[in-house]
């Protein structure tokens, strides 16, 4: 594929993806100059922080436990608050998340939620088409010009007068962007996603009485938050916006970050819009952190719910920490989605969502997440009934006293063949969709994204590594995993999985899942090897 080359003050930017006339509007010389400047200034820090992650994991593998940092105890003990929030971020009671495809952006903004988080990370497979078309979609959404006519149904989609406030989640620090290189090396995907959106939309958003708002994923330490803060300062200075114009909510979705919540808010205090309980990635991180300890083998994914003590401790600490610092503590995602074809199953699913949201609002969360527009009214109803104010920051939760031991308490439950089968089936189907360009997939009446897929493949790896015992007494062995994998692949094909995902994608997904689940060395993120397969595909996310 021919390369498009741009010369900037910070080096030569080479783009190997297609640059159509529409894409060139987003990939303008000035926008790429900002991306190049951020990359030049911060790429070495990104790499150093990723190396620090590896060093910390090595210490956990050797038996060390995550801890509250002695060197930052004065930050935790001191009284301080983050900067005042803008008016359009004071009421965030219901937030909807989803990928950056055009129709879904319109539907999410129109959903009745307070906030739409447009996701370049877990819900979007980062194909070149998805990423740059997603930037176009968000640019048009910010300017209220986004429209779409479905070529199949003829249905027209456009924005209503009142729409959700927009947040954008760039990719995590660990994901590179192979299609854009600066002086021959891939740039961090996070800086491309952030830089392009910020350059094209920050001032426009301010002029519309809003601002450039972000969600920050996968952070493992306050030093990673400090880096984002430096990126924010540089970006704001580059376009002449006041420091603090950017606001960002950090997802507490890794176990190490749960021990540094105060410090993360401190580093981002001029730019902070609180913390969010990224529950599914948090479970994944819990398994990953203790992967070398046979005493931390978890039960079935379905049994690791919010009623488990370690999950209650984590979410309670998020609420207490945020409210002490004067900012929002956002709840997490209920994975259920409406089931139109089965009224009884739909009623049961909605009851689970209601119970989950009721738990959150009563605990003191200032808002919650849903994955489907059909769940927005239910979540709004629950929060309206129990949160008459804009938020619950005034509820300080001084009754909460969470220890390090509370945060790492092993969840109770057992392991079953059904749980093993679900992990394998979900993992393969999600990977097949992701390789084909779709990062958000409804499976078995749940919305699966990269976070839930990570739990699935990591559990299989963990159970196999320690030959965990199932409820029926059998041990999880390589032969058993291979047998079930073959059986689940056949079931997927029998239910038209090949037609849904593509036979080639399904075969590649099955082989990749087998390799990840049975490897001696644990792969940090499934999206890293899957990205190599994705870059060979061109299909956009629907």
Protein backbone atom coordinates (compact mmCIF):
# COMPACT_ATOMS: atom_id res chain seq x y z
CA UNK A 1 0.00 0.00 0.00
CA UNK A 2 1.49 3.41 -0.91
CA UNK A 3 2.43 5.67 1.99
CA UNK A 4 1.31 9.23 2.56
CA UNK A 5 4.10 11.33 4.06
CA UNK A 6 3.92 14.55 6.04
CA UNK A 7 6.92 16.55 7.19
CA UNK A 8 6.45 18.22 10.56
CA UNK A 9 8.69 20.15 12.92
CA UNK A 10 9.02 16.96 14.96
CA UNK A 11 9.86 14.56 12.15
CA UNK A 12 8.37 12.66 9.25
CA UNK A 13 4.90 11.21 9.66
CA UNK A 14 4.24 8.21 7.42
CA UNK A 15 0.68 6.92 6.99
CA UNK A 16 0.24 3.45 5.50
CA UNK A 17 -3.56 3.43 5.69
CA UNK A 18 -5.73 4.80 2.90
CA UNK A 19 -6.08 8.56 2.95
CA UNK A 20 -9.32 9.26 1.10
CA UNK A 21 -10.48 12.84 0.48
CA UNK A 22 -12.75 12.52 3.53
CA UNK A 23 -9.96 11.06 5.67
CA UNK A 24 -7.59 13.86 4.61
CA UNK A 25 -9.83 16.37 6.38
CA UNK A 26 -9.09 14.64 9.67
CA UNK A 27 -5.49 13.79 8.79
CA UNK A 28 -4.62 17.39 8.04
CA UNK A 29 -1.02 18.64 8.28
CA UNK A 30 -1.81 20.77 11.34
CA UNK A 31 -3.58 17.92 13.15
CA UNK A 32 -0.73 15.54 12.42
CA UNK A 33 1.74 18.17 13.60
CA UNK A 34 0.06 18.10 17.02
CA UNK A 35 0.10 14.29 17.08
CA UNK A 36 3.77 14.32 16.10
CA UNK A 37 4.61 16.90 18.77
CA UNK A 38 2.88 14.85 21.47
CA UNK A 39 4.60 11.68 20.23
CA UNK A 40 8.05 13.28 20.19
CA UNK A 41 7.62 14.70 23.65
CA UNK A 42 6.01 11.71 25.38
CA UNK A 43 6.76 8.48 23.51
CA UNK A 44 9.76 7.63 25.69
CA UNK A 45 7.69 8.21 28.82
CA UNK A 46 5.01 5.86 27.48
CA UNK A 47 7.61 3.16 26.93
CA UNK A 48 9.15 3.73 30.35
CA UNK A 49 5.74 3.37 32.03
CA UNK A 50 5.02 0.17 30.11
CA UNK A 51 8.37 -1.18 31.30
CA UNK A 52 7.43 -0.19 34.84
CA UNK A 53 4.24 -2.26 34.47
CA UNK A 54 6.36 -5.28 33.54
CA UNK A 55 8.65 -4.70 36.51
CA UNK A 56 5.68 -4.47 38.89
CA UNK A 57 4.13 -7.62 37.47
CA UNK A 58 7.43 -9.40 38.01
CA UNK A 59 7.28 -8.38 41.66
CA UNK A 60 3.70 -9.64 41.95
CA UNK A 61 4.76 -12.90 40.30
CA UNK A 62 7.44 -13.20 42.97
CA UNK A 63 4.84 -12.91 45.72
CA UNK A 64 4.60 -9.19 46.43
CA UNK A 65 1.11 -7.80 46.97
CA UNK A 66 -0.28 -4.46 45.75
CA UNK A 67 -0.17 -1.87 48.54
CA UNK A 68 -1.06 1.68 49.43
CA UNK A 69 2.11 3.66 48.70
CA UNK A 70 4.12 4.85 51.68
CA UNK A 71 5.77 7.59 49.63
CA UNK A 72 2.44 9.27 48.80
CA UNK A 73 0.66 8.94 52.15
CA UNK A 74 0.68 12.72 52.65
CA UNK A 75 -1.49 13.08 49.51
CA UNK A 76 -3.97 10.58 50.93
CA UNK A 77 -3.96 12.23 54.36
CA UNK A 78 -4.25 15.85 53.18
CA UNK A 79 -7.49 17.73 52.60
CA UNK A 80 -7.82 18.94 49.03
CA UNK A 81 -10.35 18.83 46.21
CA UNK A 82 -10.15 18.79 42.44
CA UNK A 83 -11.02 21.83 40.33
CA UNK A 84 -14.65 22.87 39.95
CA UNK A 85 -16.58 20.97 37.28
CA UNK A 86 -18.34 22.73 34.39
CA UNK A 87 -22.12 22.83 34.47
CA UNK A 88 -22.63 20.14 31.82
CA UNK A 89 -20.72 17.60 33.95
CA UNK A 90 -22.52 18.07 37.26
CA UNK A 91 -25.36 15.66 36.44
CA UNK A 92 -24.09 12.41 34.93
CA UNK A 93 -26.67 10.02 36.32
CA UNK A 94 -26.86 7.81 33.23
CA UNK A 95 -24.08 7.34 30.70
CA UNK A 96 -24.23 5.18 27.60
CA UNK A 97 -21.13 3.74 25.99
CA UNK A 98 -20.45 2.32 22.57
CA UNK A 99 -18.30 2.30 19.47
CA UNK A 100 -17.71 5.26 17.18
CA UNK A 101 -19.63 3.98 14.14
CA UNK A 102 -21.94 6.59 12.61
CA UNK A 103 -25.38 5.14 13.37
CA UNK A 104 -24.43 4.14 16.90
CA UNK A 105 -23.04 7.61 17.61
CA UNK A 106 -26.35 9.16 16.55
CA UNK A 107 -28.44 6.67 18.51
CA UNK A 108 -26.33 7.05 21.65
CA UNK A 109 -26.44 10.85 21.57
CA UNK A 110 -30.22 10.66 21.09
CA UNK A 111 -30.72 7.96 23.75
CA UNK A 112 -31.80 10.22 26.62
CA UNK A 113 -28.62 9.51 28.58
CA UNK A 114 -26.76 12.40 30.18
CA UNK A 115 -23.43 11.35 28.67
CA UNK A 116 -22.29 9.33 25.68
CA UNK A 117 -18.82 7.86 25.91
CA UNK A 118 -17.59 7.32 22.36
CA UNK A 119 -15.17 4.43 22.68
CA UNK A 120 -12.04 4.00 20.59
CA UNK A 121 -10.90 1.33 23.04
CA UNK A 122 -12.76 -1.77 24.29
CA UNK A 123 -15.85 -1.35 22.07
CA UNK A 124 -14.03 -0.54 18.82
CA UNK A 125 -11.76 -2.84 16.86
CA UNK A 126 -8.99 -0.40 15.84
CA UNK A 127 -8.96 -0.97 12.10
CA UNK A 128 -7.82 2.04 10.10
CA UNK A 129 -11.31 2.47 8.67
CA UNK A 130 -12.94 2.38 12.10
CA UNK A 131 -10.52 4.83 13.67
CA UNK A 132 -10.51 7.58 11.05
CA UNK A 133 -14.17 7.25 10.09
CA UNK A 134 -14.86 7.38 13.83
CA UNK A 135 -13.02 10.70 14.05
CA UNK A 136 -15.14 12.01 11.17
CA UNK A 137 -18.30 10.83 12.90
CA UNK A 138 -17.39 12.61 16.12
CA UNK A 139 -16.37 15.79 14.31
CA UNK A 140 -19.77 15.86 12.63
CA UNK A 141 -21.53 15.03 15.89
CA UNK A 142 -19.84 17.92 17.71
CA UNK A 143 -21.05 20.29 14.97
CA UNK A 144 -24.54 18.70 14.95
CA UNK A 145 -24.25 17.89 11.24
CA UNK A 146 -24.04 14.11 11.57
CA UNK A 147 -26.70 12.26 9.54
CA UNK A 148 -27.11 8.81 8.03
CA UNK A 149 -29.56 7.03 5.77
CA UNK A 150 -29.47 3.26 6.19
CA UNK A 151 -28.88 1.83 2.69
CA UNK A 152 -30.90 -1.29 3.50
CA UNK A 153 -33.94 0.06 5.32
CA UNK A 154 -33.91 3.61 4.00
CA UNK A 155 -34.32 4.88 7.57
CA UNK A 156 -32.86 8.32 8.20
CA UNK A 157 -30.87 9.09 11.35
CA UNK A 158 -30.06 12.57 12.65
CA UNK A 159 -29.59 14.31 15.97
CA UNK A 160 -32.41 15.59 18.12
CA UNK A 161 -32.32 19.02 19.70
CA UNK A 162 -31.18 17.75 23.10
CA UNK A 163 -28.36 15.24 23.06
CA UNK A 164 -25.99 13.65 25.53
CA UNK A 165 -22.73 15.32 26.56
CA UNK A 166 -19.85 13.74 24.67
CA UNK A 167 -16.87 11.99 26.24
CA UNK A 168 -14.20 10.19 24.20
CA UNK A 169 -12.19 7.19 25.35
CA UNK A 170 -8.86 6.86 23.51
CA UNK A 171 -6.96 3.60 23.48
CA UNK A 172 -4.77 2.59 26.41
CA UNK A 173 -1.05 3.31 26.58
CA UNK A 174 -0.19 -0.28 25.61
CA UNK A 175 -1.74 -0.20 22.11
CA UNK A 176 0.37 1.03 19.16
CA UNK A 177 -0.92 2.50 15.91
CA UNK A 178 0.82 0.63 13.12
CA UNK A 179 -0.69 2.75 10.34
CA UNK A 180 0.95 5.97 11.56
CA UNK A 181 4.69 6.14 12.14
CA UNK A 182 6.90 8.97 13.25
CA UNK A 183 10.45 8.64 11.98
CA UNK A 184 9.84 4.96 11.29
CA UNK A 185 8.33 3.90 14.64
CA UNK A 186 4.63 3.36 15.38
CA UNK A 187 3.05 6.09 17.48
CA UNK A 188 1.02 5.29 20.62
CA UNK A 189 -2.60 4.72 19.64
CA UNK A 190 -3.71 6.82 22.62
CA UNK A 191 -1.96 9.90 21.26
CA UNK A 192 -3.49 9.50 17.80
CA UNK A 193 -7.02 9.11 19.18
CA UNK A 194 -6.64 11.97 21.63
CA UNK A 195 -4.67 14.29 19.37
CA UNK A 196 -6.97 14.11 16.36
CA UNK A 197 -10.14 14.56 18.39
CA UNK A 198 -8.71 17.38 20.49
CA UNK A 199 -7.29 19.30 17.53
CA UNK A 200 -10.49 19.23 15.50
CA UNK A 201 -13.05 19.65 18.27
CA UNK A 202 -11.72 21.27 21.44
CA UNK A 203 -12.39 24.89 20.53
CA UNK A 204 -15.67 24.04 18.82
CA UNK A 205 -16.86 22.31 21.99
CA UNK A 206 -15.86 25.28 24.14
CA UNK A 207 -17.75 27.61 21.80
CA UNK A 208 -20.80 25.40 22.33
CA UNK A 209 -20.56 25.76 26.12
CA UNK A 210 -19.07 22.32 26.62
CA UNK A 211 -15.49 21.10 26.42
CA UNK A 212 -13.11 18.33 25.39
CA UNK A 213 -13.97 15.54 27.82
CA UNK A 214 -12.25 12.17 28.00
CA UNK A 215 -12.30 8.77 29.69
CA UNK A 216 -8.85 7.34 30.42
CA UNK A 217 -8.55 3.53 30.34
CA UNK A 218 -6.25 0.86 31.78
CA UNK A 219 -4.16 3.11 34.04
CA UNK A 220 -2.09 1.16 36.56
CA UNK A 221 -0.50 3.97 38.55
CA UNK A 222 -0.62 7.67 39.36
CA UNK A 223 2.48 8.09 37.21
CA UNK A 224 0.40 7.12 34.18
CA UNK A 225 -2.17 9.72 35.23
CA UNK A 226 0.65 12.26 35.54
CA UNK A 227 1.64 11.56 31.96
CA UNK A 228 -1.92 12.16 30.75
CA UNK A 229 -1.95 15.43 32.69
CA UNK A 230 1.22 16.53 30.92
CA UNK A 231 -0.32 15.61 27.57
CA UNK A 232 -3.38 17.69 28.44
CA UNK A 233 -1.31 20.72 29.40
CA UNK A 234 0.73 20.55 26.19
CA UNK A 235 -2.35 20.13 24.02
CA UNK A 236 -4.20 23.03 25.63
CA UNK A 237 -1.18 25.30 25.30
CA UNK A 238 -0.82 24.35 21.63
CA UNK A 239 -4.24 25.80 20.76
CA UNK A 240 -4.39 28.56 23.35
CA UNK A 241 -7.00 27.05 25.69
CA UNK A 242 -6.79 27.62 29.45
CA UNK A 243 -5.32 24.87 31.60
CA UNK A 244 -8.23 22.88 33.00
CA UNK A 245 -10.42 23.12 29.90
CA UNK A 246 -9.96 19.40 29.40
CA UNK A 247 -11.78 17.18 31.87
CA UNK A 248 -11.11 13.46 32.24
CA UNK A 249 -12.64 10.58 34.15
CA UNK A 250 -10.24 7.76 34.98
CA UNK A 251 -11.51 4.21 34.85
CA UNK A 252 -10.37 2.31 37.92
CA UNK A 253 -10.23 -0.97 36.07
CA UNK A 254 -6.91 -2.40 37.19
CA UNK A 255 -6.15 -3.75 40.63
CA UNK A 256 -2.94 -1.71 41.07
CA UNK A 257 -4.84 1.53 40.34
CA UNK A 258 -7.30 0.76 43.15
CA UNK A 259 -4.44 1.38 45.58
CA UNK A 260 -3.65 4.80 44.07
CA UNK A 261 -7.06 6.48 43.64
CA UNK A 262 -6.21 9.59 45.68
CA UNK A 263 -2.91 9.95 43.88
CA UNK A 264 -4.56 9.62 40.46
CA UNK A 265 -7.05 12.35 41.30
CA UNK A 266 -4.22 14.51 42.65
CA UNK A 267 -2.19 14.23 39.46
CA UNK A 268 -5.22 15.21 37.38
CA UNK A 269 -6.69 17.68 39.88
CA UNK A 270 -6.93 20.54 37.34
CA UNK A 271 -8.48 18.21 34.78
CA UNK A 272 -10.31 15.60 36.84
CA UNK A 273 -13.92 14.58 36.29
CA UNK A 274 -13.74 11.74 38.78
CA UNK A 275 -13.34 7.99 38.69
CA UNK A 276 -15.39 5.17 37.21
CA UNK A 277 -15.71 1.56 38.35
CA UNK A 278 -14.67 -0.41 35.26
CA UNK A 279 -15.82 -3.65 36.80
CA UNK A 280 -15.16 -6.13 33.99
CA UNK A 281 -11.60 -5.03 33.32
CA UNK A 282 -11.08 -4.93 37.08
CA UNK A 283 -11.93 -8.62 37.36
CA UNK A 284 -9.60 -9.34 34.43
CA UNK A 285 -6.84 -7.35 36.15
CA UNK A 286 -7.39 -9.19 39.45
CA UNK A 287 -6.75 -12.52 37.73
CA UNK A 288 -3.82 -11.15 35.74
CA UNK A 289 -2.12 -9.57 38.75
CA UNK A 290 -2.17 -12.84 40.71
CA UNK A 291 -1.61 -15.14 37.75
CA UNK A 292 1.50 -16.70 39.32
CA UNK A 293 -0.30 -17.61 42.56
CA UNK A 294 -2.21 -20.91 42.60
CA UNK A 295 -4.09 -19.65 45.65
CA UNK A 296 -5.91 -17.04 43.56
CA UNK A 297 -7.80 -19.27 41.11
CA UNK A 298 -11.21 -17.66 40.57
CA UNK A 299 -14.63 -19.31 40.21
CA UNK A 300 -16.83 -19.04 37.12
CA UNK A 301 -17.02 -15.57 35.63
CA UNK A 302 -20.79 -15.53 36.22
CA UNK A 303 -20.20 -16.00 39.96
CA UNK A 304 -17.83 -13.04 40.27
CA UNK A 305 -20.48 -10.38 40.73
CA UNK A 306 -20.77 -7.13 42.61
CA UNK A 307 -21.87 -9.01 45.73
CA UNK A 308 -18.36 -10.45 46.15
CA UNK A 309 -16.59 -8.74 49.09
CA UNK A 310 -13.54 -7.64 47.05
CA UNK A 311 -15.81 -5.93 44.51
CA UNK A 312 -17.87 -4.20 47.20
CA UNK A 313 -14.66 -2.98 48.83
CA UNK A 314 -13.35 -1.57 45.57
CA UNK A 315 -16.52 0.28 44.59
CA UNK A 316 -17.05 1.62 48.11
CA UNK A 317 -13.51 2.99 48.13
CA UNK A 318 -14.08 4.69 44.77
CA UNK A 319 -17.15 6.47 46.19
CA UNK A 320 -15.46 7.52 49.43
CA UNK A 321 -12.32 8.73 47.64
CA UNK A 322 -14.12 10.71 44.96
CA UNK A 323 -16.60 12.36 47.30
CA UNK A 324 -13.85 13.40 49.67
CA UNK A 325 -12.15 15.11 46.72
CA UNK A 326 -15.34 16.79 45.48
CA UNK A 327 -15.90 14.83 42.30
CA UNK A 328 -18.08 12.11 40.77
CA UNK A 329 -17.82 8.39 41.49
CA UNK A 330 -19.36 6.66 38.49
CA UNK A 331 -20.82 3.17 38.62
CA UNK A 332 -20.14 0.40 36.17
CA UNK A 333 -21.68 -1.46 33.29
CA UNK A 334 -24.46 -4.00 33.54
CA UNK A 335 -23.80 -6.27 30.59
CA UNK A 336 -27.44 -7.27 30.00
CA UNK A 337 -29.25 -6.08 26.87
CA UNK A 338 -32.95 -6.15 25.95
CA UNK A 339 -34.20 -9.51 24.62
CA UNK A 340 -36.99 -8.68 22.18
CA UNK A 341 -37.79 -12.25 21.12
CA UNK A 342 -38.33 -13.64 24.63
CA UNK A 343 -40.52 -11.53 26.97
CA UNK A 344 -39.83 -13.70 30.02
CA UNK A 345 -36.06 -13.64 29.52
CA UNK A 346 -36.27 -9.91 28.84
CA UNK A 347 -38.13 -9.35 32.11
CA UNK A 348 -35.46 -11.30 33.98
CA UNK A 349 -32.66 -9.33 32.31
CA UNK A 350 -34.28 -6.00 33.13
CA UNK A 351 -34.76 -7.11 36.74
CA UNK A 352 -31.02 -7.79 36.99
CA UNK A 353 -30.23 -4.35 35.57
CA UNK A 354 -32.67 -2.69 37.99
CA UNK A 355 -31.12 -4.51 40.96
CA UNK A 356 -27.63 -3.49 39.83
CA UNK A 357 -28.51 0.18 39.37
CA UNK A 358 -30.43 0.29 42.64
CA UNK A 359 -27.36 -1.07 44.43
CA UNK A 360 -25.20 1.63 42.86
CA UNK A 361 -27.42 4.62 43.61
CA UNK A 362 -28.00 3.51 47.22
CA UNK A 363 -24.26 3.01 47.71
CA UNK A 364 -23.67 6.63 46.69
CA UNK A 365 -22.60 6.47 43.06
CA UNK A 366 -23.27 9.66 41.11
CA UNK A 367 -24.18 7.86 37.91
CA UNK A 368 -24.03 4.59 36.05
CA UNK A 369 -23.32 3.01 32.68
CA UNK A 370 -25.54 1.17 30.21
CA UNK A 371 -24.56 -0.46 26.92
CA UNK A 372 -27.89 -0.22 25.08
CA UNK A 373 -30.33 2.67 24.47
CA UNK A 374 -33.18 0.42 25.57
CA UNK A 375 -31.81 0.42 29.13
CA UNK A 376 -31.52 4.19 29.49
CA UNK A 377 -35.13 4.76 30.71
CA UNK A 378 -34.78 2.08 33.39
CA UNK A 379 -31.49 3.49 34.67
CA UNK A 380 -32.87 7.04 34.62
CA UNK A 381 -35.93 5.92 36.58
CA UNK A 382 -33.83 4.26 39.28
CA UNK A 383 -31.49 7.22 39.73
CA UNK A 384 -34.29 9.80 39.56
CA UNK A 385 -36.16 7.93 42.30
CA UNK A 386 -33.20 7.77 44.66
CA UNK A 387 -31.01 10.74 43.67
CA UNK A 388 -33.09 13.95 43.56
CA UNK A 389 -29.94 16.08 43.49
CA UNK A 390 -27.55 16.50 40.53
CA UNK A 391 -25.14 14.08 42.17
CA UNK A 392 -24.33 12.57 45.58
CA UNK A 393 -20.93 14.11 46.23
CA UNK A 394 -22.29 15.36 49.56
CA UNK A 395 -22.51 11.73 50.74
CA UNK A 396 -18.99 11.26 52.08
CA UNK A 397 -19.29 7.56 53.00
CA UNK A 398 -17.17 8.01 56.13
CA UNK A 399 -18.41 4.57 57.20
CA UNK A 400 -16.13 3.00 54.59
CA UNK A 401 -12.79 1.69 55.86
CA UNK A 402 -11.21 -0.46 53.17
CA UNK A 403 -7.93 -2.26 53.83
CA UNK A 404 -5.43 -3.72 51.38
CA UNK A 405 -6.61 -7.17 52.45
CA UNK A 406 -10.21 -6.25 51.57
CA UNK A 407 -9.18 -5.35 48.02
CA UNK A 408 -7.48 -8.68 47.37
CA UNK A 409 -9.92 -11.04 49.10
CA UNK A 410 -10.47 -14.12 46.93
CA UNK A 411 -14.05 -14.38 45.61
CA UNK A 412 -16.05 -17.41 46.66
CA UNK A 413 -17.62 -19.92 44.31
CA UNK A 414 -16.79 -22.93 42.17
CA UNK A 415 -15.75 -23.76 38.65
CA UNK A 416 -18.01 -25.66 36.29
CA UNK A 417 -17.90 -27.20 32.85
CA UNK A 418 -20.63 -24.76 31.82
CA UNK A 419 -18.42 -21.87 32.91
CA UNK A 420 -15.46 -23.28 30.99
CA UNK A 421 -17.59 -23.71 27.89
CA UNK A 422 -18.99 -20.19 28.13
CA UNK A 423 -15.50 -18.72 28.45
CA UNK A 424 -14.27 -20.59 25.38
CA UNK A 425 -17.35 -19.88 23.27
CA UNK A 426 -17.53 -16.19 24.15
CA UNK A 427 -13.79 -15.72 23.72
CA UNK A 428 -13.72 -17.28 20.26
CA UNK A 429 -16.80 -15.46 19.00
CA UNK A 430 -15.61 -12.11 20.30
CA UNK A 431 -12.18 -12.56 18.73
CA UNK A 432 -13.79 -13.56 15.42
CA UNK A 433 -15.87 -10.39 15.46
CA UNK A 434 -12.89 -8.24 16.50
CA UNK A 435 -10.65 -9.59 13.74
CA UNK A 436 -13.45 -8.74 11.32
CA UNK A 437 -13.57 -5.15 12.56
CA UNK A 438 -16.35 -5.26 15.17
CA UNK A 439 -15.37 -4.58 18.79
CA UNK A 440 -18.77 -4.73 20.51
CA UNK A 441 -20.78 -7.95 20.14
CA UNK A 442 -24.08 -9.18 21.65
CA UNK A 443 -23.63 -12.82 22.72
CA UNK A 444 -26.08 -14.86 24.79
CA UNK A 445 -28.05 -11.72 25.72
CA UNK A 446 -24.98 -9.93 27.08
CA UNK A 447 -22.97 -7.17 25.43
CA UNK A 448 -19.41 -8.40 25.16
CA UNK A 449 -16.43 -6.16 24.59
CA UNK A 450 -12.68 -6.58 24.97
CA UNK A 451 -12.93 -6.46 28.78
CA UNK A 452 -15.30 -9.40 29.11
CA UNK A 453 -13.41 -11.34 26.45
CA UNK A 454 -10.23 -10.81 28.47
CA UNK A 455 -11.87 -12.41 31.51
CA UNK A 456 -12.90 -15.39 29.39
CA UNK A 457 -9.50 -16.21 27.95
CA UNK A 458 -7.62 -15.36 31.16
CA UNK A 459 -9.79 -17.67 33.24
CA UNK A 460 -9.19 -20.56 30.86
CA UNK A 461 -5.44 -19.88 30.99
CA UNK A 462 -5.49 -19.73 34.79
CA UNK A 463 -7.62 -22.84 35.25
CA UNK A 464 -5.43 -24.81 32.86
CA UNK A 465 -2.16 -23.57 34.37
CA UNK A 466 -3.16 -24.84 37.81
CA UNK A 467 -5.35 -27.73 36.63
CA UNK A 468 -8.24 -26.28 38.62
CA UNK A 469 -10.87 -28.66 39.89
CA UNK A 470 -14.36 -28.40 38.46
CA UNK A 471 -17.50 -28.88 40.55
CA UNK A 472 -17.83 -32.45 39.22
CA UNK A 473 -14.32 -33.37 40.38
CA UNK A 474 -12.58 -33.29 37.01
CA UNK A 475 -9.41 -31.26 36.53
CA UNK A 476 -8.97 -28.69 33.79
CA UNK A 477 -6.34 -30.22 31.53
CA UNK A 478 -5.00 -29.41 28.09
CA UNK A 479 -6.95 -32.35 26.67
CA UNK A 480 -10.20 -31.14 28.21
CA UNK A 481 -9.68 -27.58 26.96
CA UNK A 482 -8.88 -28.83 23.47
CA UNK A 483 -11.92 -31.13 23.47
CA UNK A 484 -14.32 -28.38 24.57
CA UNK A 485 -12.75 -25.88 22.18
CA UNK A 486 -13.42 -28.21 19.24
CA UNK A 487 -16.97 -28.87 20.42
CA UNK A 488 -17.73 -25.18 20.90
CA UNK A 489 -16.28 -24.31 17.50
CA UNK A 490 -18.64 -26.85 15.95
CA UNK A 491 -21.61 -25.40 17.86
CA UNK A 492 -20.73 -21.91 16.66
CA UNK A 493 -20.64 -23.13 13.08
CA UNK A 494 -23.93 -24.99 13.47
CA UNK A 495 -25.56 -21.75 14.59
CA UNK A 496 -24.35 -19.88 11.50
CA UNK A 497 -21.30 -18.49 13.23
CA UNK A 498 -19.27 -18.83 10.05
CA UNK A 499 -21.74 -16.68 8.16
CA UNK A 500 -21.96 -14.17 11.00
CA UNK A 501 -18.24 -13.72 11.56
CA UNK A 502 -16.68 -15.11 8.38
CA UNK A 503 -15.19 -18.60 8.20
CA UNK A 504 -11.63 -17.31 7.94
CA UNK A 505 -12.10 -14.98 10.91
CA UNK A 506 -13.63 -17.80 12.94
CA UNK A 507 -10.76 -20.17 12.15
CA UNK A 508 -8.20 -17.52 13.07
CA UNK A 509 -10.06 -16.70 16.28
CA UNK A 510 -10.21 -20.35 17.33
CA UNK A 511 -6.51 -20.81 16.75
CA UNK A 512 -5.62 -17.54 18.53
CA UNK A 513 -7.80 -18.40 21.51
CA UNK A 514 -6.23 -21.86 21.74
CA UNK A 515 -2.76 -20.35 21.64
CA UNK A 516 -3.52 -17.70 24.26
CA UNK A 517 -5.26 -20.14 26.60
CA UNK A 518 -2.60 -22.85 26.46
CA UNK A 519 0.59 -20.76 26.23
CA UNK A 520 3.18 -21.21 28.96
CA UNK A 521 3.78 -17.45 29.07
CA UNK A 522 0.76 -15.23 29.67
CA UNK A 523 -0.02 -12.63 26.98
CA UNK A 524 -0.73 -9.27 28.65
CA UNK A 525 -3.61 -8.26 26.35
CA UNK A 526 -5.41 -10.39 23.76
CA UNK A 527 -5.78 -7.31 21.55
CA UNK A 528 -2.02 -7.19 20.95
CA UNK A 529 -1.73 -10.45 18.95
CA UNK A 530 -5.24 -9.93 17.56
CA UNK A 531 -4.16 -6.53 16.22
CA UNK A 532 -1.73 -8.24 13.86
CA UNK A 533 -4.67 -10.15 12.38
CA UNK A 534 -6.95 -7.11 12.35
CA UNK A 535 -4.53 -5.00 10.35
CA UNK A 536 -4.80 -7.53 7.53
CA UNK A 537 -8.58 -6.95 7.37
CA UNK A 538 -10.40 -3.92 5.99
CA UNK A 539 -13.99 -4.38 7.20
CA UNK A 540 -15.52 -1.46 9.12
CA UNK A 541 -17.54 -1.76 12.32
CA UNK A 542 -21.26 -1.83 11.57
